[in-house]
Amino acid sequence: METDAVLKRSVASGTLEREIERCHHEIAEVERLLGDGHPDVHGLCLASRIGRQSYGLLGEQKQDRRRIVEPGGGVGGEAGARRYLAIL
């Protein structure tokens, strides 16, 4: 699935922000084309759906990273290490 490929590529190359911005621009372009009366309405609606799914999944991934990196968020970071050491 294309969305999975986008997520894997963003994680592997560290380009999450660029991927989110790219999705945002692609969605805006699709909306512009629809507004201008482009004849391929079905194809543009499909492109919009895929773009919005990718945008949403990338946004979730960004939130997950913040929870792990920010102090007290998730099990990663210093807070997670302190909790782990406290258990030992």
Protein backbone atom coordinates (compact mmCIF):
# COMPACT_ATOMS: atom_id res chain seq x y z
CA MET A 1 0.00 0.00 0.00
CA GLU A 2 1.28 3.46 -0.88
CA THR A 3 0.59 4.86 2.60
CA ASP A 4 2.80 2.19 4.22
CA ALA A 5 5.61 3.06 1.82
CA VAL A 6 5.36 6.73 2.76
CA LEU A 7 5.57 5.90 6.47
CA LYS A 8 8.54 3.56 6.04
CA ARG A 9 10.37 6.08 3.87
CA SER A 10 9.78 8.90 6.36
CA VAL A 11 11.08 6.82 9.26
CA ALA A 12 14.08 5.48 7.36
CA SER A 13 15.26 8.79 5.97
CA GLY A 14 14.22 11.12 8.78
CA THR A 15 12.05 13.24 6.52
CA LEU A 16 8.79 13.13 8.46
CA GLU A 17 8.27 16.90 8.34
CA ARG A 18 8.95 17.01 4.60
CA GLU A 19 6.52 14.14 3.97
CA ILE A 20 3.81 15.92 5.96
CA GLU A 21 4.41 19.13 4.02
CA ARG A 22 4.38 17.23 0.71
CA CYS A 23 1.01 15.66 1.57
CA HIS A 24 -0.35 19.07 2.52
CA HIS A 25 0.72 20.54 -0.84
CA GLU A 26 -0.65 17.58 -2.81
CA ILE A 27 -4.04 17.85 -1.08
CA ALA A 28 -4.13 21.60 -1.78
CA GLU A 29 -3.33 20.99 -5.46
CA VAL A 30 -6.10 18.36 -5.75
CA GLU A 31 -8.59 20.77 -4.16
CA ARG A 32 -7.49 23.51 -6.57
CA LEU A 33 -7.96 21.22 -9.58
CA LEU A 34 -11.40 20.16 -8.37
CA GLY A 35 -12.36 23.79 -7.80
CA ASP A 36 -11.20 24.67 -11.32
CA GLY A 37 -13.53 22.04 -12.78
CA HIS A 38 -10.99 19.40 -13.78
CA PRO A 39 -12.79 16.59 -15.67
CA ASP A 40 -11.19 13.68 -13.72
CA VAL A 41 -13.30 14.08 -10.60
CA HIS A 42 -13.11 10.38 -9.66
CA GLY A 43 -9.30 10.28 -9.91
CA LEU A 44 -8.89 13.51 -7.99
CA CYS A 45 -11.21 12.32 -5.23
CA LEU A 46 -9.15 9.14 -4.96
CA ALA A 47 -5.94 11.17 -4.84
CA SER A 48 -7.46 13.38 -2.15
CA ARG A 49 -8.45 10.36 -0.07
CA ILE A 50 -4.98 8.80 -0.31
CA GLY A 51 -3.33 12.13 0.49
CA ARG A 52 -5.52 12.70 3.54
CA GLN A 53 -4.88 9.17 4.81
CA SER A 54 -1.13 9.64 4.44
CA TYR A 55 -1.32 13.07 6.08
CA GLY A 56 -3.26 11.65 9.03
CA LEU A 57 -0.94 8.69 9.52
CA LEU A 58 2.15 10.86 9.32
CA GLY A 59 0.61 13.24 11.87
CA GLU A 60 -0.03 10.31 14.21
CA GLN A 61 3.55 9.18 13.77
CA LYS A 62 4.76 12.68 14.61
CA GLN A 63 2.65 12.67 17.79
CA ASP A 64 4.01 9.24 18.76
CA ARG A 65 7.57 10.51 18.37
CA ARG A 66 6.81 13.53 20.55
CA ARG A 67 5.41 11.31 23.31
CA ILE A 68 8.59 9.25 23.33
CA VAL A 69 11.02 12.17 23.11
CA GLU A 70 9.35 14.65 25.48
CA PRO A 71 10.06 14.26 29.20
CA GLY A 72 7.40 12.20 30.92
CA GLY A 73 5.94 11.05 27.62
CA GLY A 74 5.66 7.37 26.86
CA VAL A 75 8.25 4.83 27.90
CA GLY A 76 11.20 6.39 26.10
CA GLY A 77 13.43 9.26 27.04
CA GLU A 78 14.78 10.01 30.51
CA ALA A 79 11.47 9.43 32.25
CA GLY A 80 11.24 5.93 30.79
CA ALA A 81 14.84 5.20 31.77
CA ARG A 82 14.19 6.40 35.33
CA ARG A 83 11.10 4.21 35.59
CA TYR A 84 13.05 1.23 34.24
CA LEU A 85 15.92 1.80 36.68
CA ALA A 86 13.48 2.20 39.57
CA ILE A 87 12.08 -1.25 38.83
CA LEU A 88 15.57 -2.80 38.97
